Amino acid sequence: MGDNIMTSLFTGFTAQDFDAYCPHKWSSNAFTLERMAVKQKFQGLGAQLSQTLGAILEESAVSLSDEFPHMSNGKKVDAQWLYIARNTARAQEVSRYIEKTELKADKIFQNFIQDKHLMLGAKLSQEGFIYGLFLHHTALVDAKNLAKKIPHSWQQEAFCQILCNIDVGLHITIADKHYLAAELTEELRQELCETIKHQPVDLFIGHRLTPQETIDKSATLASSVLDTCAQLVPLYQFIFWSKDNDFLGASEKIQKEKANQRKNQTFYKVGDKVRIHSGLLASQQGVVQSIDNKGELKIQVGLMSVTLSPEQVTTTP
C-alpha cells in the first residue's frame, strides 16, 4: 500500500500553498514548482497514512494527484489530492462497471480517481483544506453498492450505528445538504438512508477548514487527518465494493468478463484443423469443435472428442 509515496516531513501549510491554486495558475506549467512544493508536504501525510492504515485497507493504496496539467486532468490543476482508494489491480477489475466518460470536450480525457472510486483522504485548494471520506456520485461501483445495501434493514441499522459513532464535530454533506454529526437525530439518519436508496449521491464526511484555520492548526493537522481517516475506516469498509461486500452481483459479472477475455485471447477458432503435440494423442490431427469460457479447446479426433489447452496443439494447413 502506498508504494508511490515517498517519506517526507510534514511541516504544515502556508498562505503561499493555497495561492498555488489560484484560478489563473490552474492551466499553466509556470506554476508547477509551486504546486510541487505543496505535493511534497502531502507526501509526509501520505507516508503516515500508509503506515497507519495499510494493514487495515488491504485492497487500497495511498496516492497523490499530479501537480502539472495534462490531458487526464483536463489540463488544469485546481487542487492537490491525497487519497486512499482502490489499488490498481482492484481498479482494473471494476473498471467496466464505472460510468462511461461523458462525450464533452471538457470531460472526455478526465479520469480523476476521486470521481471514480470511494476515497479516504485530503484536498487542498484555494478555498481551503478538507479531509475525510469522499464518495462522488460517478463512483458508480461504490455508490450503487451503497444504494443496494441500504434497503436491507440490518444493513441500514449498521450504517446508522456507524454514523452514531463518528465524532460529533465532523461535517456531513449528502446530495447538497449539509449537517454536523452532532445534529444527526434518528429521524435525520433515516432521511439520509432514504436519499441514498434512490440514486447514487455525492457524500462527504470529514472536516472543512478555511486557509487561515488550516495554517493555525499546522501543529496538530497531521494527527487530525490521521485520526479522522482512521475513524472513518468502518464507513469506508461498509461502502467499499469488494467480492465480500457485493450487493450488485458484480462478482459474477467480473468473472464472466475475465472468462470472455481469456476466450477472446485464444488464437484458435471453431473449425480450425490442428495437430496435437503433447499427451496421449500426440501427433494426431483433429478439428476444433468449441472453445469454453476458460479458453480450452474441444478437439474432434476421429470418433472421439478431447479437451486440450491451446498450448497442446498447433494449426495445420
Protein backbone atom coordinates (compact mmCIF):
# COMPACT_ATOMS: atom_id res chain seq x y z
CA MET A 1 0.00 0.00 0.00
CA GLY A 2 1.34 3.41 -0.94
CA ASP A 3 4.43 2.31 -2.87
CA ASN A 4 4.47 5.60 -4.77
CA ILE A 5 4.53 7.74 -1.60
CA MET A 6 7.98 8.91 -0.57
CA THR A 7 8.56 9.63 3.09
CA SER A 8 8.99 13.33 3.87
CA LEU A 9 8.37 15.50 6.89
CA PHE A 10 5.02 17.29 7.06
CA THR A 11 5.65 20.88 8.11
CA GLY A 12 2.17 22.38 7.85
CA PHE A 13 0.74 24.67 5.18
CA THR A 14 1.25 28.36 4.47
CA ALA A 15 -0.70 31.05 2.62
CA GLN A 16 1.62 30.52 -0.34
CA ASP A 17 0.47 26.89 -0.59
CA PHE A 18 -3.14 27.98 -1.09
CA ASP A 19 -2.11 30.69 -3.55
CA ALA A 20 -0.56 27.98 -5.75
CA TYR A 21 -4.11 27.01 -6.75
CA CYS A 22 -5.45 30.40 -7.81
CA PRO A 23 -7.60 30.02 -10.95
CA HIS A 24 -5.16 31.86 -13.22
CA LYS A 25 -2.48 29.25 -12.35
CA TRP A 26 -4.54 26.11 -12.97
CA SER A 27 -3.54 25.51 -16.59
CA SER A 28 -0.01 26.94 -16.55
CA ASN A 29 3.16 24.89 -16.23
CA ALA A 30 4.88 28.04 -14.98
CA PHE A 31 3.45 27.30 -11.52
CA THR A 32 4.24 23.58 -11.41
CA LEU A 33 7.13 24.13 -8.99
CA GLU A 34 4.79 25.91 -6.58
CA ARG A 35 2.39 23.00 -6.71
CA MET A 36 5.25 20.52 -6.39
CA ALA A 37 6.23 22.15 -3.08
CA VAL A 38 2.68 21.52 -1.82
CA LYS A 39 2.77 17.94 -3.08
CA GLN A 40 5.99 17.32 -1.15
CA LYS A 41 4.19 18.31 2.04
CA PHE A 42 1.38 15.91 1.19
CA GLN A 43 3.95 13.13 0.83
CA GLY A 44 4.59 13.26 4.56
CA LEU A 45 0.89 12.88 5.30
CA GLY A 46 0.66 10.06 2.76
CA ALA A 47 3.53 8.14 4.34
CA GLN A 48 1.89 8.37 7.75
CA LEU A 49 -1.49 7.26 6.39
CA SER A 50 0.11 4.32 4.62
CA GLN A 51 1.90 3.26 7.78
CA THR A 52 -1.17 3.71 9.98
CA LEU A 53 -3.90 2.22 7.77
CA GLY A 54 -2.02 -0.08 5.41
CA ALA A 55 -2.72 -3.26 7.36
CA ILE A 56 -6.45 -2.46 7.57
CA LEU A 57 -7.14 -1.50 3.95
CA GLU A 58 -5.61 -4.42 2.08
CA GLU A 59 -7.28 -3.69 -1.27
CA SER A 60 -6.47 0.03 -1.20
CA ALA A 61 -3.44 2.21 -1.84
CA VAL A 62 -2.29 5.71 -0.90
CA SER A 63 -1.57 8.02 -3.83
CA LEU A 64 -1.19 11.70 -4.73
CA SER A 65 -2.69 13.64 -7.63
CA ASP A 66 -0.42 15.18 -10.27
CA GLU A 67 0.94 18.69 -9.85
CA PHE A 68 1.17 19.50 -13.57
CA PRO A 69 -1.64 19.98 -16.13
CA HIS A 70 -2.12 17.24 -18.73
CA MET A 71 -4.85 15.56 -20.75
CA SER A 72 -6.08 13.27 -17.96
CA ASN A 73 -6.78 16.13 -15.55
CA GLY A 74 -8.38 18.37 -18.14
CA LYS A 75 -5.18 20.40 -18.49
CA LYS A 76 -5.73 22.11 -15.16
CA VAL A 77 -4.64 21.57 -11.56
CA ASP A 78 -7.06 23.30 -9.20
CA ALA A 79 -6.16 21.26 -6.10
CA GLN A 80 -3.75 18.79 -4.59
CA TRP A 81 -5.31 15.48 -3.54
CA LEU A 82 -4.08 12.79 -1.20
CA TYR A 83 -6.26 9.72 -1.39
CA ILE A 84 -6.65 6.20 -0.13
CA ALA A 85 -8.62 4.40 -2.81
CA ARG A 86 -8.94 1.07 -4.61
CA ASN A 87 -5.49 -0.14 -5.65
CA THR A 88 -4.53 -0.54 -9.32
CA ALA A 89 -5.39 -4.25 -9.55
CA ARG A 90 -8.83 -3.75 -7.96
CA ALA A 91 -9.48 -0.60 -10.00
CA GLN A 92 -8.86 -2.50 -13.24
CA GLU A 93 -11.18 -5.25 -12.04
CA VAL A 94 -14.15 -2.93 -11.66
CA SER A 95 -13.33 -0.52 -14.49
CA ARG A 96 -16.02 -1.88 -16.85
CA TYR A 97 -18.69 -1.06 -14.28
CA ILE A 98 -17.74 2.58 -13.87
CA GLU A 99 -19.87 5.06 -15.82
CA LYS A 100 -18.52 5.91 -19.26
CA THR A 101 -16.85 9.28 -19.69
CA GLU A 102 -19.16 11.99 -20.96
CA LEU A 103 -18.53 12.88 -24.57
CA LYS A 104 -17.86 16.53 -23.89
CA ALA A 105 -14.72 18.47 -24.74
CA ASP A 106 -14.04 19.30 -21.09
CA LYS A 107 -14.75 15.77 -19.82
CA ILE A 108 -13.57 13.26 -22.39
CA PHE A 109 -9.97 12.98 -21.19
CA GLN A 110 -10.62 13.35 -17.47
CA ASN A 111 -10.02 10.24 -15.39
CA PHE A 112 -9.85 11.55 -11.84
CA ILE A 113 -9.52 8.76 -9.30
CA GLN A 114 -11.58 10.86 -6.89
CA ASP A 115 -14.51 10.77 -9.31
CA LYS A 116 -14.31 7.02 -9.94
CA HIS A 117 -13.75 5.40 -6.55
CA LEU A 118 -14.66 5.79 -2.89
CA MET A 119 -11.81 7.56 -1.07
CA LEU A 120 -10.39 8.49 2.29
CA GLY A 121 -8.06 11.44 2.02
CA ALA A 122 -7.49 15.17 1.86
CA LYS A 123 -7.73 18.02 -0.63
CA LEU A 124 -6.06 21.44 -0.61
CA SER A 125 -7.34 24.17 -2.93
CA GLN A 126 -7.55 27.95 -2.91
CA GLU A 127 -10.78 27.66 -0.87
CA GLY A 128 -9.23 25.66 1.97
CA PHE A 129 -8.35 22.20 3.23
CA ILE A 130 -10.84 19.34 3.58
CA TYR A 131 -10.24 15.78 4.70
CA GLY A 132 -12.27 12.69 5.45
CA LEU A 133 -14.37 10.33 3.33
CA PHE A 134 -15.33 11.27 -0.24
CA LEU A 135 -17.88 9.47 -2.42
CA HIS A 136 -18.69 11.09 -5.76
CA HIS A 137 -21.92 10.02 -7.47
CA THR A 138 -19.89 8.96 -10.54
CA ALA A 139 -18.01 6.41 -8.40
CA LEU A 140 -20.76 4.07 -9.52
CA VAL A 141 -19.47 0.75 -8.23
CA ASP A 142 -19.23 2.00 -4.68
CA ALA A 143 -22.18 4.42 -4.84
CA LYS A 144 -24.53 1.80 -6.30
CA ASN A 145 -23.25 -0.81 -3.86
CA LEU A 146 -24.25 1.51 -1.00
CA ALA A 147 -27.64 2.23 -2.60
CA LYS A 148 -28.34 -1.50 -2.95
CA LYS A 149 -27.12 -2.26 0.56
CA ILE A 150 -29.09 0.36 2.50
CA PRO A 151 -32.61 -1.06 1.80
CA HIS A 152 -31.76 -4.16 3.87
CA SER A 153 -32.96 -3.32 7.37
CA TRP A 154 -29.99 -4.86 9.17
CA GLN A 155 -27.56 -3.02 6.89
CA GLN A 156 -29.39 0.26 7.39
CA GLU A 157 -29.16 -0.29 11.12
CA ALA A 158 -25.40 -0.92 10.81
CA PHE A 159 -24.97 2.22 8.70
CA CYS A 160 -26.84 4.36 11.24
CA GLN A 161 -24.76 2.88 14.05
CA ILE A 162 -21.55 3.84 12.24
CA LEU A 163 -22.88 7.40 11.92
CA CYS A 164 -23.68 7.42 15.63
CA ASN A 165 -20.08 6.51 16.44
CA ILE A 166 -18.32 9.23 14.44
CA ASP A 167 -17.00 12.42 16.01
CA VAL A 168 -19.80 14.92 16.62
CA GLY A 169 -17.67 17.68 15.09
CA LEU A 170 -17.49 16.14 11.63
CA HIS A 171 -19.25 17.79 8.72
CA ILE A 172 -21.63 15.69 6.62
CA THR A 173 -22.64 16.69 3.10
CA ILE A 174 -25.01 14.48 1.13
CA ALA A 175 -26.80 15.48 -2.05
CA ASP A 176 -26.00 19.18 -1.39
CA LYS A 177 -27.46 19.08 2.13
CA HIS A 178 -25.11 19.99 4.98
CA TYR A 179 -25.15 18.74 8.56
CA LEU A 180 -22.92 18.43 11.58
CA ALA A 181 -22.66 14.93 13.01
CA ALA A 182 -23.92 16.33 16.31
CA GLU A 183 -27.18 17.31 14.56
CA LEU A 184 -27.94 13.80 13.30
CA THR A 185 -31.10 12.70 15.07
CA GLU A 186 -32.56 9.27 14.36
CA GLU A 187 -35.03 10.96 12.02
CA LEU A 188 -32.24 12.64 10.05
CA ARG A 189 -30.28 9.39 9.79
CA GLN A 190 -33.34 7.71 8.33
CA GLU A 191 -33.73 10.62 5.91
CA LEU A 192 -30.12 10.13 4.78
CA CYS A 193 -30.80 6.45 4.18
CA GLU A 194 -33.87 7.26 2.09
CA THR A 195 -31.81 9.67 -0.03
CA ILE A 196 -29.11 7.05 -0.63
CA LYS A 197 -31.64 4.38 -1.65
CA HIS A 198 -32.92 6.17 -4.72
CA GLN A 199 -29.81 7.15 -6.64
CA PRO A 200 -26.02 7.46 -6.39
CA VAL A 201 -25.26 10.60 -4.40
CA ASP A 202 -22.31 12.78 -3.50
CA LEU A 203 -21.27 12.10 0.08
CA PHE A 204 -18.60 13.79 2.20
CA ILE A 205 -17.92 13.19 5.88
CA GLY A 206 -14.99 14.95 7.49
CA HIS A 207 -13.54 18.36 8.33
CA ARG A 208 -13.62 21.57 6.32
CA LEU A 209 -11.09 24.28 7.14
CA THR A 210 -10.50 27.71 5.66
CA PRO A 211 -6.93 28.56 4.63
CA GLN A 212 -6.36 30.52 7.84
CA GLU A 213 -7.82 27.78 10.04
CA THR A 214 -5.55 25.28 8.29
CA ILE A 215 -2.47 27.42 8.90
CA ASP A 216 -3.43 27.99 12.55
CA LYS A 217 -3.81 24.22 13.11
CA SER A 218 -0.48 23.28 11.47
CA ALA A 219 0.92 21.75 14.65
CA THR A 220 -1.95 19.28 15.03
CA LEU A 221 -3.13 18.96 11.43
CA ALA A 222 -1.35 15.70 10.59
CA SER A 223 -2.69 13.92 13.65
CA SER A 224 -6.20 15.23 12.92
CA VAL A 225 -6.08 13.88 9.35
CA LEU A 226 -4.84 10.50 10.60
CA ASP A 227 -7.41 10.30 13.39
CA THR A 228 -10.28 11.33 11.10
CA CYS A 229 -9.41 8.83 8.36
CA ALA A 230 -8.89 6.05 10.91
CA GLN A 231 -12.26 6.86 12.48
CA LEU A 232 -13.96 6.64 9.08
CA VAL A 233 -12.45 3.27 8.11
CA PRO A 234 -15.59 1.35 9.24
CA LEU A 235 -17.73 3.55 6.97
CA TYR A 236 -15.24 3.14 4.11
CA GLN A 237 -15.38 -0.64 4.52
CA PHE A 238 -19.18 -0.58 4.74
CA ILE A 239 -19.48 1.23 1.38
CA PHE A 240 -16.44 -0.14 -0.48
CA TRP A 241 -17.41 -2.71 -3.12
CA SER A 242 -15.46 -5.95 -2.89
CA LYS A 243 -16.19 -9.59 -3.55
CA ASP A 244 -17.02 -9.96 0.13
CA ASN A 245 -19.21 -6.84 0.15
CA ASP A 246 -21.09 -7.25 -3.10
CA PHE A 247 -24.69 -6.03 -3.26
CA LEU A 248 -24.57 -5.50 -7.03
CA GLY A 249 -23.98 -9.05 -8.20
CA ALA A 250 -20.85 -7.63 -9.82
CA SER A 251 -18.58 -10.52 -8.78
CA GLU A 252 -20.34 -12.85 -11.21
CA LYS A 253 -20.19 -10.24 -13.98
CA ILE A 254 -16.47 -9.71 -13.42
CA GLN A 255 -15.76 -13.45 -13.56
CA LYS A 256 -17.74 -13.72 -16.82
CA GLU A 257 -15.79 -10.78 -18.24
CA LYS A 258 -12.48 -12.42 -17.33
CA ALA A 259 -13.64 -15.68 -18.91
CA ASN A 260 -14.63 -13.87 -22.10
CA GLN A 261 -11.27 -12.13 -22.18
CA ARG A 262 -9.49 -15.48 -21.91
CA LYS A 263 -11.73 -16.88 -24.63
CA ASN A 264 -11.14 -13.91 -26.93
CA GLN A 265 -7.39 -14.18 -26.41
CA THR A 266 -7.40 -17.75 -27.76
CA PHE A 267 -5.68 -17.85 -31.13
CA TYR A 268 -7.90 -20.66 -32.44
CA LYS A 269 -11.48 -20.62 -33.69
CA VAL A 270 -14.14 -23.27 -34.30
CA GLY A 271 -13.38 -25.30 -37.45
CA ASP A 272 -9.59 -24.90 -37.30
CA LYS A 273 -7.59 -28.00 -38.16
CA VAL A 274 -4.93 -28.69 -35.53
CA ARG A 275 -2.23 -31.21 -34.70
CA ILE A 276 -1.87 -32.40 -31.11
CA HIS A 277 1.76 -32.33 -29.98
CA SER A 278 1.53 -33.49 -26.34
CA GLY A 279 -0.33 -36.05 -24.28
CA LEU A 280 -1.72 -39.47 -25.24
CA LEU A 281 -2.92 -38.25 -28.63
CA ALA A 282 0.35 -36.59 -29.62
CA SER A 283 0.84 -36.40 -33.44
CA GLN A 284 -2.90 -36.93 -34.08
CA GLN A 285 -4.85 -34.41 -36.13
CA GLY A 286 -8.26 -33.01 -35.24
CA VAL A 287 -10.74 -30.17 -35.67
CA VAL A 288 -11.71 -27.50 -33.10
CA GLN A 289 -15.36 -28.10 -32.17
CA SER A 290 -15.79 -25.46 -29.49
CA ILE A 291 -13.95 -23.13 -27.11
CA ASP A 292 -15.11 -22.89 -23.49
CA ASN A 293 -15.06 -19.85 -21.21
CA LYS A 294 -11.61 -20.76 -19.94
CA GLY A 295 -10.19 -20.79 -23.47
CA GLU A 296 -9.90 -24.60 -23.50
CA LEU A 297 -10.39 -26.30 -26.89
CA LYS A 298 -12.69 -29.23 -27.56
CA ILE A 299 -11.00 -31.18 -30.35
CA GLN A 300 -12.70 -33.82 -32.54
CA VAL A 301 -10.20 -36.62 -33.27
CA GLY A 302 -11.81 -39.31 -35.37
CA LEU A 303 -14.84 -40.57 -33.48
CA MET A 304 -13.79 -39.13 -30.14
CA SER A 305 -13.51 -35.68 -28.58
CA VAL A 306 -10.87 -34.42 -26.20
CA THR A 307 -10.44 -31.15 -24.33
CA LEU A 308 -6.98 -29.58 -24.54
CA SER A 309 -5.30 -26.27 -23.80
CA PRO A 310 -4.21 -24.10 -26.75
CA GLU A 311 -0.60 -24.81 -25.80
CA GLN A 312 -1.08 -28.53 -26.59
CA VAL A 313 -1.92 -28.04 -30.26
CA THR A 314 -0.67 -26.30 -33.39
CA THR A 315 -2.52 -25.38 -36.55
CA THR A 316 -2.22 -27.47 -39.70
CA PRO A 317 -2.81 -26.46 -43.31
